[in-house]
Amino acid sequence: MKSLLREPLVHFVLAALLVFAGHAIWTSHAAARDGTITVTEADMQRMAALYAAESGALPSPEDMAAMVTDHVRHEALSREARRLGLDQDDTIIERRLAQKMSFMVSDLADTPEPDEATLRAWYEAHPATYTTAPNVTFEHVFLSTDRRPATWQADADTLLATLNASSPPDWRTLGDPFMLQRAYGDLPLRETIRLFGADFARAIFSLDAGDDWQGPVASSFGQHLVHLAAKDPGHLRPFEDARTQVEADWRKDAQRTANEQAIAAIIRRYKVDIEGAE
């Protein structure tokens, strides 16, 4: 900001501002106790710096005049609202003030830098957070029970024998057309349920992974012959792999704790009287 304020154009802008915005400043109808809205040099420098930061260019005299006019308008309306008592007993305003104070507390709350031992202790205390979801890797051949209502079981038995033969045909050429994928890698349990239904997910996660085709397994679509290539019941990620997330989680919790402590300190400054409470 200091380098910006040394720019000759900013000085020119500030000088021009007195001409362009003077009328807006001194003829405001809003009033403080002495009826004056004062736009300080610091206010104008802040406006110029914010404009430059957002636009990448210095404000013109007209830009500065517009910003000052907007500032005066906002100040006048807010003072008039307070004069009329509009800020009293207004739940929305009270909530916004409390929220603004909460944000200020958050900005000012001091949290220490975590060392390795602190992060490892956090990791060990929250294993579920860093445990991968159960997942499966599988291929499947689909049999539509709508297309073959009377023969799907016999067809499934025949196809299963074919797929497990010593020289099976390409599994992709077998079965009925399927609207989704016919092969999935590391498909989480939740996604398996979403795509195929709970019964299919329960059944496939109960199978043993191996080279053989298994089934049939029922889904919300029909029947499936399944080659379960891999099944992971979920595992705790190594600390080194999860370290970035561990640190982010620790910082978030430390910030929350610091905020709560700061807010509790503010609350202790006040006497709380609850009517009717003993």
C-alpha atoms as a PDB file:
ATOM      1  CA  MET A   1       0.000   0.000   0.000  1.00  0.00           C
ATOM      2  CA  LYS A   2       2.860   2.378   0.822  1.00  0.00           C
ATOM      3  CA  SER A   3       4.338   1.994  -2.664  1.00  0.00           C
ATOM      4  CA  LEU A   4       0.915   2.637  -4.180  1.00  0.00           C
ATOM      5  CA  LEU A   5       0.448   5.810  -2.167  1.00  0.00           C
ATOM      6  CA  ARG A   6       3.816   7.133  -3.405  1.00  0.00           C
ATOM      7  CA  GLU A   7       2.505   7.011  -6.989  1.00  0.00           C
ATOM      8  CA  PRO A   8       2.020  10.517  -8.420  1.00  0.00           C
ATOM      9  CA  LEU A   9      -1.318   9.520  -9.913  1.00  0.00           C
ATOM     10  CA  VAL A  10      -2.667   8.634  -6.484  1.00  0.00           C
ATOM     11  CA  HIS A  11      -1.662  12.068  -5.223  1.00  0.00           C
ATOM     12  CA  PHE A  12      -3.399  13.574  -8.222  1.00  0.00           C
ATOM     13  CA  VAL A  13      -6.457  11.468  -7.576  1.00  0.00           C
ATOM     14  CA  LEU A  14      -6.623  12.551  -3.961  1.00  0.00           C
ATOM     15  CA  ALA A  15      -6.307  16.194  -4.945  1.00  0.00           C
ATOM     16  CA  ALA A  16      -8.951  15.862  -7.627  1.00  0.00           C
ATOM     17  CA  LEU A  17     -11.151  14.102  -5.143  1.00  0.00           C
ATOM     18  CA  LEU A  18     -11.611  17.311  -3.171  1.00  0.00           C
ATOM     19  CA  VAL A  19     -13.210  18.860  -6.230  1.00  0.00           C
ATOM     20  CA  PHE A  20     -15.211  15.888  -7.465  1.00  0.00           C
ATOM     21  CA  ALA A  21     -16.469  14.613  -4.118  1.00  0.00           C
ATOM     22  CA  GLY A  22     -16.508  17.669  -1.913  1.00  0.00           C
ATOM     23  CA  HIS A  23     -20.134  18.365  -2.573  1.00  0.00           C
ATOM     24  CA  ALA A  24     -21.136  14.782  -1.692  1.00  0.00           C
ATOM     25  CA  ILE A  25     -19.157  14.947   1.525  1.00  0.00           C
ATOM     26  CA  TRP A  26     -20.353  18.242   2.909  1.00  0.00           C
ATOM     27  CA  THR A  27     -23.986  18.230   1.826  1.00  0.00           C
ATOM     28  CA  SER A  28     -24.908  14.862   3.307  1.00  0.00           C
ATOM     29  CA  HIS A  29     -28.243  14.800   5.136  1.00  0.00           C
ATOM     30  CA  ALA A  30     -27.036  12.139   7.572  1.00  0.00           C
ATOM     31  CA  ALA A  31     -25.704  13.236  10.896  1.00  0.00           C
ATOM     32  CA  ALA A  32     -23.391  12.160  13.587  1.00  0.00           C
ATOM     33  CA  ARG A  33     -23.641  14.165  16.777  1.00  0.00           C
ATOM     34  CA  ASP A  34     -22.341  17.264  15.010  1.00  0.00           C
ATOM     35  CA  GLY A  35     -24.110  16.475  11.743  1.00  0.00           C
ATOM     36  CA  THR A  36     -20.900  15.781   9.816  1.00  0.00           C
ATOM     37  CA  ILE A  37     -19.706  12.771   7.858  1.00  0.00           C
ATOM     38  CA  THR A  38     -15.945  12.991   7.654  1.00  0.00           C
ATOM     39  CA  VAL A  39     -14.048  11.156   4.940  1.00  0.00           C
ATOM     40  CA  THR A  40     -10.455  11.125   6.107  1.00  0.00           C
ATOM     41  CA  GLU A  41      -7.316  10.945   4.025  1.00  0.00           C
ATOM     42  CA  ALA A  42      -6.802   7.454   5.435  1.00  0.00           C
ATOM     43  CA  ASP A  43     -10.269   6.497   4.159  1.00  0.00           C
ATOM     44  CA  MET A  44      -9.401   7.731   0.678  1.00  0.00           C
ATOM     45  CA  GLN A  45      -6.042   5.971   0.691  1.00  0.00           C
ATOM     46  CA  ARG A  46      -7.764   2.755   1.685  1.00  0.00           C
ATOM     47  CA  MET A  47     -10.303   3.137  -1.130  1.00  0.00           C
ATOM     48  CA  ALA A  48      -7.555   3.784  -3.684  1.00  0.00           C
ATOM     49  CA  ALA A  49      -5.532   0.804  -2.499  1.00  0.00           C
ATOM     50  CA  LEU A  50      -8.537  -1.536  -2.542  1.00  0.00           C
ATOM     51  CA  TYR A  51      -9.490  -0.361  -6.024  1.00  0.00           C
ATOM     52  CA  ALA A  52      -5.951  -0.972  -7.290  1.00  0.00           C
ATOM     53  CA  ALA A  53      -5.803  -4.405  -5.656  1.00  0.00           C
ATOM     54  CA  GLU A  54      -9.086  -5.481  -7.243  1.00  0.00           C
ATOM     55  CA  SER A  55      -8.717  -3.901 -10.694  1.00  0.00           C
ATOM     56  CA  GLY A  56      -4.957  -3.868 -11.188  1.00  0.00           C
ATOM     57  CA  ALA A  57      -5.082  -0.159 -12.089  1.00  0.00           C
ATOM     58  CA  LEU A  58      -5.078   3.126 -10.242  1.00  0.00           C
ATOM     59  CA  PRO A  59      -8.474   4.786  -9.822  1.00  0.00           C
ATOM     60  CA  SER A  60      -9.329   7.804 -11.929  1.00  0.00           C
ATOM     61  CA  PRO A  61     -10.653  10.970 -10.271  1.00  0.00           C
ATOM     62  CA  GLU A  62     -14.135   9.910 -11.354  1.00  0.00           C
ATOM     63  CA  ASP A  63     -13.599   6.469  -9.774  1.00  0.00           C
ATOM     64  CA  MET A  64     -12.504   8.081  -6.520  1.00  0.00           C
ATOM     65  CA  ALA A  65     -15.492  10.421  -6.552  1.00  0.00           C
ATOM     66  CA  ALA A  66     -17.835   7.463  -7.085  1.00  0.00           C
ATOM     67  CA  MET A  67     -16.254   5.512  -4.230  1.00  0.00           C
ATOM     68  CA  VAL A  68     -16.488   8.460  -1.849  1.00  0.00           C
ATOM     69  CA  THR A  69     -20.089   9.112  -2.850  1.00  0.00           C
ATOM     70  CA  ASP A  70     -20.916   5.466  -2.199  1.00  0.00           C
ATOM     71  CA  HIS A  71     -19.120   5.610   1.157  1.00  0.00           C
ATOM     72  CA  VAL A  72     -21.050   8.732   2.178  1.00  0.00           C
ATOM     73  CA  ARG A  73     -24.335   7.195   1.018  1.00  0.00           C
ATOM     74  CA  HIS A  74     -23.692   4.050   3.064  1.00  0.00           C
ATOM     75  CA  GLU A  75     -22.668   6.046   6.130  1.00  0.00           C
ATOM     76  CA  ALA A  76     -25.663   8.368   5.852  1.00  0.00           C
ATOM     77  CA  LEU A  77     -28.155   5.532   5.531  1.00  0.00           C
ATOM     78  CA  SER A  78     -26.633   3.563   8.388  1.00  0.00           C
ATOM     79  CA  ARG A  79     -26.608   6.613  10.693  1.00  0.00           C
ATOM     80  CA  GLU A  80     -30.189   7.442   9.793  1.00  0.00           C
ATOM     81  CA  ALA A  81     -31.228   3.848  10.474  1.00  0.00           C
ATOM     82  CA  ARG A  82     -29.568   4.009  13.891  1.00  0.00           C
ATOM     83  CA  ARG A  83     -31.181   7.409  14.576  1.00  0.00           C
ATOM     84  CA  LEU A  84     -34.578   5.859  13.894  1.00  0.00           C
ATOM     85  CA  GLY A  85     -33.751   2.928  16.149  1.00  0.00           C
ATOM     86  CA  LEU A  86     -33.831   0.385  13.334  1.00  0.00           C
ATOM     87  CA  ASP A  87     -30.819  -1.362  14.807  1.00  0.00           C
ATOM     88  CA  GLN A  88     -32.608  -2.039  18.085  1.00  0.00           C
ATOM     89  CA  ASP A  89     -34.132  -5.455  18.744  1.00  0.00           C
ATOM     90  CA  ASP A  90     -33.378  -6.569  15.186  1.00  0.00           C
ATOM     91  CA  THR A  91     -32.475 -10.243  15.196  1.00  0.00           C
ATOM     92  CA  ILE A  92     -30.849 -10.145  11.759  1.00  0.00           C
ATOM     93  CA  ILE A  93     -28.611  -7.208  12.662  1.00  0.00           C
ATOM     94  CA  GLU A  94     -27.728  -8.770  16.002  1.00  0.00           C
ATOM     95  CA  ARG A  95     -26.800 -12.024  14.295  1.00  0.00           C
ATOM     96  CA  ARG A  96     -24.655 -10.217  11.750  1.00  0.00           C
ATOM     97  CA  LEU A  97     -22.889  -8.260  14.459  1.00  0.00           C
ATOM     98  CA  ALA A  98     -22.255 -11.462  16.402  1.00  0.00           C
ATOM     99  CA  GLN A  99     -21.028 -13.150  13.220  1.00  0.00           C
ATOM    100  CA  LYS A 100     -18.744 -10.227  12.427  1.00  0.00           C
ATOM    101  CA  MET A 101     -17.339 -10.335  15.952  1.00  0.00           C
ATOM    102  CA  SER A 102     -16.853 -14.084  15.605  1.00  0.00           C
ATOM    103  CA  PHE A 103     -14.896 -13.534  12.377  1.00  0.00           C
ATOM    104  CA  MET A 104     -12.790 -10.906  14.112  1.00  0.00           C
ATOM    105  CA  VAL A 105     -12.072 -13.280  16.983  1.00  0.00           C
ATOM    106  CA  SER A 106     -11.112 -15.959  14.452  1.00  0.00           C
ATOM    107  CA  ASP A 107      -8.677 -13.606  12.728  1.00  0.00           C
ATOM    108  CA  LEU A 108      -7.071 -12.614  16.020  1.00  0.00           C
ATOM    109  CA  ALA A 109      -6.992 -16.053  17.651  1.00  0.00           C
ATOM    110  CA  ASP A 110      -3.445 -17.323  17.965  1.00  0.00           C
ATOM    111  CA  THR A 111      -2.724 -20.978  17.225  1.00  0.00           C
ATOM    112  CA  PRO A 112       0.720 -22.521  17.713  1.00  0.00           C
ATOM    113  CA  GLU A 113       2.666 -24.343  15.018  1.00  0.00           C
ATOM    114  CA  PRO A 114       2.289 -28.118  15.440  1.00  0.00           C
ATOM    115  CA  ASP A 115       5.394 -30.261  15.770  1.00  0.00           C
ATOM    116  CA  GLU A 116       5.737 -33.822  14.497  1.00  0.00           C
ATOM    117  CA  ALA A 117       4.765 -35.363  17.828  1.00  0.00           C
ATOM    118  CA  THR A 118       1.594 -33.275  17.995  1.00  0.00           C
ATOM    119  CA  LEU A 119       0.526 -34.326  14.501  1.00  0.00           C
ATOM    120  CA  ARG A 120       1.257 -37.994  15.161  1.00  0.00           C
ATOM    121  CA  ALA A 121      -0.751 -37.848  18.376  1.00  0.00           C
ATOM    122  CA  TRP A 122      -3.683 -36.366  16.452  1.00  0.00           C
ATOM    123  CA  TYR A 123      -3.365 -39.054  13.774  1.00  0.00           C
ATOM    124  CA  GLU A 124      -3.342 -41.834  16.356  1.00  0.00           C
ATOM    125  CA  ALA A 125      -6.351 -40.354  18.173  1.00  0.00           C
ATOM    126  CA  HIS A 126      -8.478 -40.221  14.994  1.00  0.00           C
ATOM    127  CA  PRO A 127      -7.804 -43.453  13.077  1.00  0.00           C
ATOM    128  CA  ALA A 128     -11.272 -43.584  11.501  1.00  0.00           C
ATOM    129  CA  THR A 129     -10.647 -40.270   9.752  1.00  0.00           C
ATOM    130  CA  TYR A 130      -7.617 -41.651   7.940  1.00  0.00           C
ATOM    131  CA  THR A 131      -8.957 -45.116   7.157  1.00  0.00           C
ATOM    132  CA  THR A 132      -9.879 -45.746   3.543  1.00  0.00           C
ATOM    133  CA  ALA A 133     -13.404 -46.812   2.656  1.00  0.00           C
ATOM    134  CA  PRO A 134     -14.005 -50.496   1.828  1.00  0.00           C
ATOM    135  CA  ASN A 135     -13.732 -50.984  -1.932  1.00  0.00           C
ATOM    136  CA  VAL A 136     -13.805 -53.664  -4.600  1.00  0.00           C
ATOM    137  CA  THR A 137     -12.312 -54.184  -8.046  1.00  0.00           C
ATOM    138  CA  PHE A 138     -14.414 -56.397 -10.273  1.00  0.00           C
ATOM    139  CA  GLU A 139     -15.681 -57.281 -13.734  1.00  0.00           C
ATOM    140  CA  HIS A 140     -19.172 -58.563 -14.384  1.00  0.00           C
ATOM    141  CA  VAL A 141     -21.314 -60.184 -17.053  1.00  0.00           C
ATOM    142  CA  PHE A 142     -24.912 -59.020 -16.943  1.00  0.00           C
ATOM    143  CA  LEU A 143     -27.981 -61.189 -17.426  1.00  0.00           C
ATOM    144  CA  SER A 144     -31.297 -59.397 -17.859  1.00  0.00           C
ATOM    145  CA  THR A 145     -34.113 -61.153 -16.039  1.00  0.00           C
ATOM    146  CA  ASP A 146     -36.552 -59.140 -18.169  1.00  0.00           C
ATOM    147  CA  ARG A 147     -35.116 -60.563 -21.389  1.00  0.00           C
ATOM    148  CA  ARG A 148     -34.859 -64.108 -20.079  1.00  0.00           C
ATOM    149  CA  PRO A 149     -37.376 -64.461 -17.218  1.00  0.00           C
ATOM    150  CA  ALA A 150     -37.615 -68.249 -17.485  1.00  0.00           C
ATOM    151  CA  THR A 151     -34.040 -69.122 -18.456  1.00  0.00           C
ATOM    152  CA  TRP A 152     -31.739 -66.720 -16.614  1.00  0.00           C
ATOM    153  CA  GLN A 153     -30.748 -69.264 -13.941  1.00  0.00           C
ATOM    154  CA  ALA A 154     -29.862 -71.959 -16.495  1.00  0.00           C
ATOM    155  CA  ASP A 155     -28.131 -69.380 -18.677  1.00  0.00           C
ATOM    156  CA  ALA A 156     -26.141 -68.162 -15.679  1.00  0.00           C
ATOM    157  CA  ASP A 157     -24.996 -71.704 -14.857  1.00  0.00           C
ATOM    158  CA  THR A 158     -23.901 -72.255 -18.451  1.00  0.00           C
ATOM    159  CA  LEU A 159     -22.081 -68.935 -18.677  1.00  0.00           C
ATOM    160  CA  LEU A 160     -20.369 -69.483 -15.336  1.00  0.00           C
ATOM    161  CA  ALA A 161     -18.983 -72.813 -16.539  1.00  0.00           C
ATOM    162  CA  THR A 162     -17.851 -71.166 -19.769  1.00  0.00           C
ATOM    163  CA  LEU A 163     -16.103 -68.304 -17.983  1.00  0.00           C
ATOM    164  CA  ASN A 164     -14.256 -70.674 -15.635  1.00  0.00           C
ATOM    165  CA  ALA A 165     -13.154 -73.023 -18.425  1.00  0.00           C
ATOM    166  CA  SER A 166      -9.466 -73.437 -19.178  1.00  0.00           C
ATOM    167  CA  SER A 167      -9.750 -71.346 -22.356  1.00  0.00           C
ATOM    168  CA  PRO A 168     -12.721 -69.021 -21.868  1.00  0.00           C
ATOM    169  CA  PRO A 169     -13.900 -66.532 -24.493  1.00  0.00           C
ATOM    170  CA  ASP A 170     -13.567 -62.810 -23.914  1.00  0.00           C
ATOM    171  CA  TRP A 171     -15.991 -62.082 -21.077  1.00  0.00           C
ATOM    172  CA  ARG A 172     -16.850 -58.721 -22.676  1.00  0.00           C
ATOM    173  CA  THR A 173     -18.626 -60.558 -25.506  1.00  0.00           C
ATOM    174  CA  LEU A 174     -20.949 -62.463 -23.181  1.00  0.00           C
ATOM    175  CA  GLY A 175     -24.234 -61.622 -21.491  1.00  0.00           C
ATOM    176  CA  ASP A 176     -26.713 -58.853 -22.175  1.00  0.00           C
ATOM    177  CA  PRO A 177     -26.087 -55.153 -22.818  1.00  0.00           C
ATOM    178  CA  PHE A 178     -25.590 -53.121 -19.644  1.00  0.00           C
ATOM    179  CA  MET A 179     -26.152 -49.379 -19.263  1.00  0.00           C
ATOM    180  CA  LEU A 180     -23.271 -48.816 -16.826  1.00  0.00           C
ATOM    181  CA  GLN A 181     -19.655 -49.931 -16.832  1.00  0.00           C
ATOM    182  CA  ARG A 182     -18.761 -53.599 -16.977  1.00  0.00           C
ATOM    183  CA  ALA A 183     -15.529 -53.195 -15.010  1.00  0.00           C
ATOM    184  CA  TYR A 184     -14.805 -51.160 -11.875  1.00  0.00           C
ATOM    185  CA  GLY A 185     -11.588 -50.446 -10.034  1.00  0.00           C
ATOM    186  CA  ASP A 186     -11.461 -49.590  -6.319  1.00  0.00           C
ATOM    187  CA  LEU A 187     -15.201 -48.919  -6.204  1.00  0.00           C
ATOM    188  CA  PRO A 188     -16.090 -47.748  -2.668  1.00  0.00           C
ATOM    189  CA  LEU A 189     -18.877 -49.462  -0.768  1.00  0.00           C
ATOM    190  CA  ARG A 190     -21.054 -46.356  -0.819  1.00  0.00           C
ATOM    191  CA  GLU A 191     -20.741 -46.064  -4.605  1.00  0.00           C
ATOM    192  CA  THR A 192     -21.412 -49.777  -5.023  1.00  0.00           C
ATOM    193  CA  ILE A 193     -24.658 -49.355  -3.112  1.00  0.00           C
ATOM    194  CA  ARG A 194     -25.584 -46.262  -5.112  1.00  0.00           C
ATOM    195  CA  LEU A 195     -24.963 -47.931  -8.474  1.00  0.00           C
ATOM    196  CA  PHE A 196     -26.125 -51.505  -7.908  1.00  0.00           C
ATOM    197  CA  GLY A 197     -28.198 -51.496  -4.731  1.00  0.00           C
ATOM    198  CA  ALA A 198     -27.613 -52.651  -1.166  1.00  0.00           C
ATOM    199  CA  ASP A 199     -28.219 -56.358  -1.850  1.00  0.00           C
ATOM    200  CA  PHE A 200     -25.591 -56.472  -4.587  1.00  0.00           C
ATOM    201  CA  ALA A 201     -23.091 -54.573  -2.437  1.00  0.00           C
ATOM    202  CA  ARG A 202     -23.671 -56.863   0.530  1.00  0.00           C
ATOM    203  CA  ALA A 203     -23.204 -59.940  -1.651  1.00  0.00           C
ATOM    204  CA  ILE A 204     -20.099 -58.829  -3.541  1.00  0.00           C
ATOM    205  CA  PHE A 205     -18.341 -57.652  -0.386  1.00  0.00           C
ATOM    206  CA  SER A 206     -18.962 -61.106   1.112  1.00  0.00           C
ATOM    207  CA  LEU A 207     -17.190 -62.867  -1.786  1.00  0.00           C
ATOM    208  CA  ASP A 208     -13.533 -63.836  -1.747  1.00  0.00           C
ATOM    209  CA  ALA A 209     -11.291 -62.244  -4.340  1.00  0.00           C
ATOM    210  CA  GLY A 210      -9.663 -64.626  -6.782  1.00  0.00           C
ATOM    211  CA  ASP A 211      -9.325 -65.775 -10.374  1.00  0.00           C
ATOM    212  CA  ASP A 212     -12.672 -67.570 -10.642  1.00  0.00           C
ATOM    213  CA  TRP A 213     -15.947 -66.080 -11.747  1.00  0.00           C
ATOM    214  CA  GLN A 214     -18.709 -66.255  -9.135  1.00  0.00           C
ATOM    215  CA  GLY A 215     -22.437 -65.732  -8.891  1.00  0.00           C
ATOM    216  CA  PRO A 216     -24.975 -65.049  -9.974  1.00  0.00           C
ATOM    217  CA  VAL A 217     -25.330 -61.945  -7.814  1.00  0.00           C
ATOM    218  CA  ALA A 218     -28.619 -60.048  -7.893  1.00  0.00           C
ATOM    219  CA  SER A 219     -28.773 -56.273  -8.320  1.00  0.00           C
ATOM    220  CA  SER A 220     -31.473 -53.718  -8.990  1.00  0.00           C
ATOM    221  CA  PHE A 221     -30.846 -54.337 -12.711  1.00  0.00           C
ATOM    222  CA  GLY A 222     -30.886 -58.121 -12.863  1.00  0.00           C
ATOM    223  CA  GLN A 223     -28.279 -60.858 -12.334  1.00  0.00           C
ATOM    224  CA  HIS A 224     -24.495 -60.652 -12.605  1.00  0.00           C
ATOM    225  CA  LEU A 225     -21.634 -63.112 -12.892  1.00  0.00           C
ATOM    226  CA  VAL A 226     -18.730 -61.513 -11.092  1.00  0.00           C
ATOM    227  CA  HIS A 227     -14.959 -61.762 -11.240  1.00  0.00           C
ATOM    228  CA  LEU A 228     -13.797 -60.159  -7.995  1.00  0.00           C
ATOM    229  CA  ALA A 229     -10.178 -59.229  -8.676  1.00  0.00           C
ATOM    230  CA  ALA A 230      -9.539 -57.433  -5.379  1.00  0.00           C
ATOM    231  CA  LYS A 231     -11.318 -56.499  -2.167  1.00  0.00           C
ATOM    232  CA  ASP A 232     -10.057 -53.998   0.385  1.00  0.00           C
ATOM    233  CA  PRO A 233     -12.025 -53.905   3.657  1.00  0.00           C
ATOM    234  CA  GLY A 234     -10.500 -50.500   4.360  1.00  0.00           C
ATOM    235  CA  HIS A 235      -7.117 -49.755   5.894  1.00  0.00           C
ATOM    236  CA  LEU A 236      -5.458 -47.051   7.927  1.00  0.00           C
ATOM    237  CA  ARG A 237      -3.382 -44.860   5.642  1.00  0.00           C
ATOM    238  CA  PRO A 238       0.266 -44.512   6.701  1.00  0.00           C
ATOM    239  CA  PHE A 239       0.972 -41.303   8.589  1.00  0.00           C
ATOM    240  CA  GLU A 240       3.310 -40.095   5.851  1.00  0.00           C
ATOM    241  CA  ASP A 241       0.583 -40.453   3.219  1.00  0.00           C
ATOM    242  CA  ALA A 242      -2.035 -38.728   5.368  1.00  0.00           C
ATOM    243  CA  ARG A 243       0.225 -36.033   6.840  1.00  0.00           C
ATOM    244  CA  THR A 244      -1.154 -33.131   4.783  1.00  0.00           C
ATOM    245  CA  GLN A 245      -4.725 -33.952   5.780  1.00  0.00           C
ATOM    246  CA  VAL A 246      -3.659 -34.579   9.391  1.00  0.00           C
ATOM    247  CA  GLU A 247      -2.081 -31.131   9.647  1.00  0.00           C
ATOM    248  CA  ALA A 248      -5.094 -29.450   8.018  1.00  0.00           C
ATOM    249  CA  ASP A 249      -7.465 -31.234  10.411  1.00  0.00           C
ATOM    250  CA  TRP A 250      -5.321 -30.352  13.420  1.00  0.00           C
ATOM    251  CA  ARG A 251      -5.152 -26.688  12.426  1.00  0.00           C
ATOM    252  CA  LYS A 252      -8.910 -26.555  11.914  1.00  0.00           C
ATOM    253  CA  ASP A 253      -9.519 -28.029  15.366  1.00  0.00           C
ATOM    254  CA  ALA A 254      -6.897 -25.797  16.990  1.00  0.00           C
ATOM    255  CA  GLN A 255      -8.492 -22.735  15.396  1.00  0.00           C
ATOM    256  CA  ARG A 256     -11.929 -23.819  16.587  1.00  0.00           C
ATOM    257  CA  THR A 257     -10.630 -24.361  20.119  1.00  0.00           C
ATOM    258  CA  ALA A 258      -8.880 -20.981  20.145  1.00  0.00           C
ATOM    259  CA  ASN A 259     -12.049 -19.309  18.881  1.00  0.00           C
ATOM    260  CA  GLU A 260     -14.190 -20.939  21.561  1.00  0.00           C
ATOM    261  CA  GLN A 261     -11.732 -19.936  24.271  1.00  0.00           C
ATOM    262  CA  ALA A 262     -11.678 -16.336  23.030  1.00  0.00           C
ATOM    263  CA  ILE A 263     -15.483 -16.186  22.865  1.00  0.00           C
ATOM    264  CA  ALA A 264     -15.738 -17.729  26.335  1.00  0.00           C
ATOM    265  CA  ALA A 265     -13.422 -14.982  27.615  1.00  0.00           C
ATOM    266  CA  ILE A 266     -15.712 -12.360  26.081  1.00  0.00           C
ATOM    267  CA  ILE A 267     -18.799 -13.952  27.646  1.00  0.00           C
ATOM    268  CA  ARG A 268     -17.114 -13.920  31.078  1.00  0.00           C
ATOM    269  CA  ARG A 269     -17.015 -10.127  30.915  1.00  0.00           C
ATOM    270  CA  TYR A 270     -20.790 -10.049  31.212  1.00  0.00           C
ATOM    271  CA  LYS A 271     -23.203 -10.982  33.928  1.00  0.00           C
ATOM    272  CA  VAL A 272     -25.847 -13.331  32.555  1.00  0.00           C
ATOM    273  CA  ASP A 273     -29.286 -13.014  34.132  1.00  0.00           C
ATOM    274  CA  ILE A 274     -31.903 -15.525  32.959  1.00  0.00           C
ATOM    275  CA  GLU A 275     -35.353 -14.567  34.154  1.00  0.00           C
ATOM    276  CA  GLY A 276     -37.166 -17.378  35.943  1.00  0.00           C
ATOM    277  CA  ALA A 277     -34.024 -19.456  36.388  1.00  0.00           C
ATOM    278  CA  GLU A 278     -33.192 -20.457  39.927  1.00  0.00           C
END
